[in-house]
């Protein structure tokens, strides 16, 4: 099993969520997060300069069986990309075990 963590633009969340559902990834957790990134320029609105060093993003945490790793990553990359600085990052790590609390079942079948 793999844990895929993605930090994406909040504006792309709905598209990413829908695309993940289309490929069969139906469960994940998400949080609104603020971070610092490579975006250095500020914005000016009505003559007032605003710093954009604190960037609002959405953090997705997805655990999938090994056979869903590639399609999950490819879907996020395809849908979340705008081509501009600040599109986000994806991190992948191994998951040793998974348990379903309700039944005590363990292993990859708990993700179905």
Protein backbone atom coordinates (compact mmCIF):
# COMPACT_ATOMS: atom_id res chain seq x y z
CA UNK A 1 0.00 0.00 0.00
CA UNK A 2 1.07 3.58 -0.63
CA UNK A 3 0.26 6.87 1.04
CA UNK A 4 0.04 9.69 -1.47
CA UNK A 5 0.11 13.18 -0.05
CA UNK A 6 -0.60 16.03 -2.42
CA UNK A 7 -0.54 19.76 -1.83
CA UNK A 8 -2.56 21.47 -4.57
CA UNK A 9 -4.18 24.80 -5.38
CA UNK A 10 -7.54 25.21 -3.63
CA UNK A 11 -9.01 26.29 -6.96
CA UNK A 12 -8.18 22.87 -8.46
CA UNK A 13 -9.61 20.76 -5.61
CA UNK A 14 -13.07 20.07 -7.11
CA UNK A 15 -11.57 19.01 -10.43
CA UNK A 16 -9.03 16.73 -8.73
CA UNK A 17 -11.68 15.20 -6.45
CA UNK A 18 -13.99 14.44 -9.38
CA UNK A 19 -11.14 13.01 -11.49
CA UNK A 20 -10.01 10.76 -8.61
CA UNK A 21 -13.57 9.45 -8.23
CA UNK A 22 -13.67 8.71 -11.98
CA UNK A 23 -10.56 6.47 -11.72
CA UNK A 24 -11.84 4.63 -8.64
CA UNK A 25 -10.19 6.52 -5.76
CA UNK A 26 -13.26 7.12 -3.62
CA UNK A 27 -11.86 7.79 -0.16
CA UNK A 28 -9.30 10.31 1.05
CA UNK A 29 -8.90 13.02 3.66
CA UNK A 30 -8.12 16.68 3.03
CA UNK A 31 -7.25 19.81 4.95
CA UNK A 32 -6.93 23.48 4.15
CA UNK A 33 -3.32 24.45 4.79
CA UNK A 34 -1.09 27.49 4.52
CA UNK A 35 2.54 27.22 3.55
CA UNK A 36 5.56 28.98 2.14
CA UNK A 37 6.74 28.25 -1.36
CA UNK A 38 8.68 29.55 -4.32
CA UNK A 39 6.09 32.21 -5.14
CA UNK A 40 7.88 35.42 -4.22
CA UNK A 41 5.96 38.17 -5.95
CA UNK A 42 3.24 40.18 -4.26
CA UNK A 43 -0.02 41.42 -5.66
CA UNK A 44 -1.28 44.98 -5.83
CA UNK A 45 -4.99 45.70 -5.36
CA UNK A 46 -6.25 49.29 -5.48
CA UNK A 47 -2.78 50.60 -4.89
CA UNK A 48 -2.10 48.42 -1.83
CA UNK A 49 0.59 45.72 -2.04
CA UNK A 50 -0.28 42.32 -0.53
CA UNK A 51 2.25 39.63 0.27
CA UNK A 52 1.65 36.22 -1.25
CA UNK A 53 4.42 34.48 0.67
CA UNK A 54 1.75 32.66 2.73
CA UNK A 55 0.02 30.46 0.19
CA UNK A 56 -3.42 28.90 0.72
CA UNK A 57 -3.51 25.28 -0.49
CA UNK A 58 -5.42 22.04 0.01
CA UNK A 59 -3.60 19.01 1.42
CA UNK A 60 -4.83 15.58 0.29
CA UNK A 61 -3.96 12.35 2.10
CA UNK A 62 -4.76 9.25 0.03
CA UNK A 63 -3.94 5.62 0.86
CA UNK A 64 -4.22 3.20 -2.06
CA UNK A 65 -3.23 -0.35 -2.91
CA UNK A 66 -0.02 -0.59 -4.94
CA UNK A 67 -1.93 -1.15 -8.20
CA UNK A 68 -3.64 2.27 -7.81
CA UNK A 69 -0.44 4.25 -7.11
CA UNK A 70 0.40 5.20 -10.70
CA UNK A 71 -3.14 6.11 -11.79
CA UNK A 72 -3.66 8.21 -8.65
CA UNK A 73 -0.45 10.17 -9.18
CA UNK A 74 -1.05 10.57 -12.93
CA UNK A 75 -4.58 11.86 -12.29
CA UNK A 76 -3.41 14.47 -9.78
CA UNK A 77 -0.56 15.59 -12.05
CA UNK A 78 -2.85 15.89 -15.07
CA UNK A 79 -5.72 17.71 -13.38
CA UNK A 80 -3.93 19.92 -10.83
CA UNK A 81 -1.34 21.32 -13.25
CA UNK A 82 -1.70 24.92 -14.43
CA UNK A 83 1.92 25.32 -15.53
CA UNK A 84 2.47 28.22 -13.14
CA UNK A 85 4.69 28.40 -10.07
CA UNK A 86 2.73 27.17 -7.05
CA UNK A 87 0.95 24.16 -8.56
CA UNK A 88 2.03 22.04 -5.58
CA UNK A 89 3.83 18.83 -4.70
CA UNK A 90 3.12 15.10 -4.40
CA UNK A 91 4.82 12.86 -1.82
CA UNK A 92 4.64 9.05 -1.83
CA UNK A 93 5.48 6.75 1.07
CA UNK A 94 4.97 3.09 1.96
CA UNK A 95 2.19 2.02 4.32
CA UNK A 96 3.10 -0.99 6.42
CA UNK A 97 -0.44 -2.02 7.40
CA UNK A 98 -4.04 -0.86 7.42
CA UNK A 99 -6.86 -1.85 9.79
CA UNK A 100 -10.62 -1.38 9.52
CA UNK A 101 -11.68 -0.31 13.01
CA UNK A 102 -15.27 -1.56 12.72
CA UNK A 103 -14.33 -5.18 11.94
CA UNK A 104 -10.68 -5.49 12.93
CA UNK A 105 -9.91 -6.58 9.36
CA UNK A 106 -6.40 -5.78 8.16
CA UNK A 107 -4.60 -5.51 4.85
CA UNK A 108 -5.28 -4.05 1.43
CA UNK A 109 -8.91 -5.21 1.33
CA UNK A 110 -9.72 -2.61 3.99
CA UNK A 111 -9.30 0.06 1.33
CA UNK A 112 -12.21 -1.25 -0.74
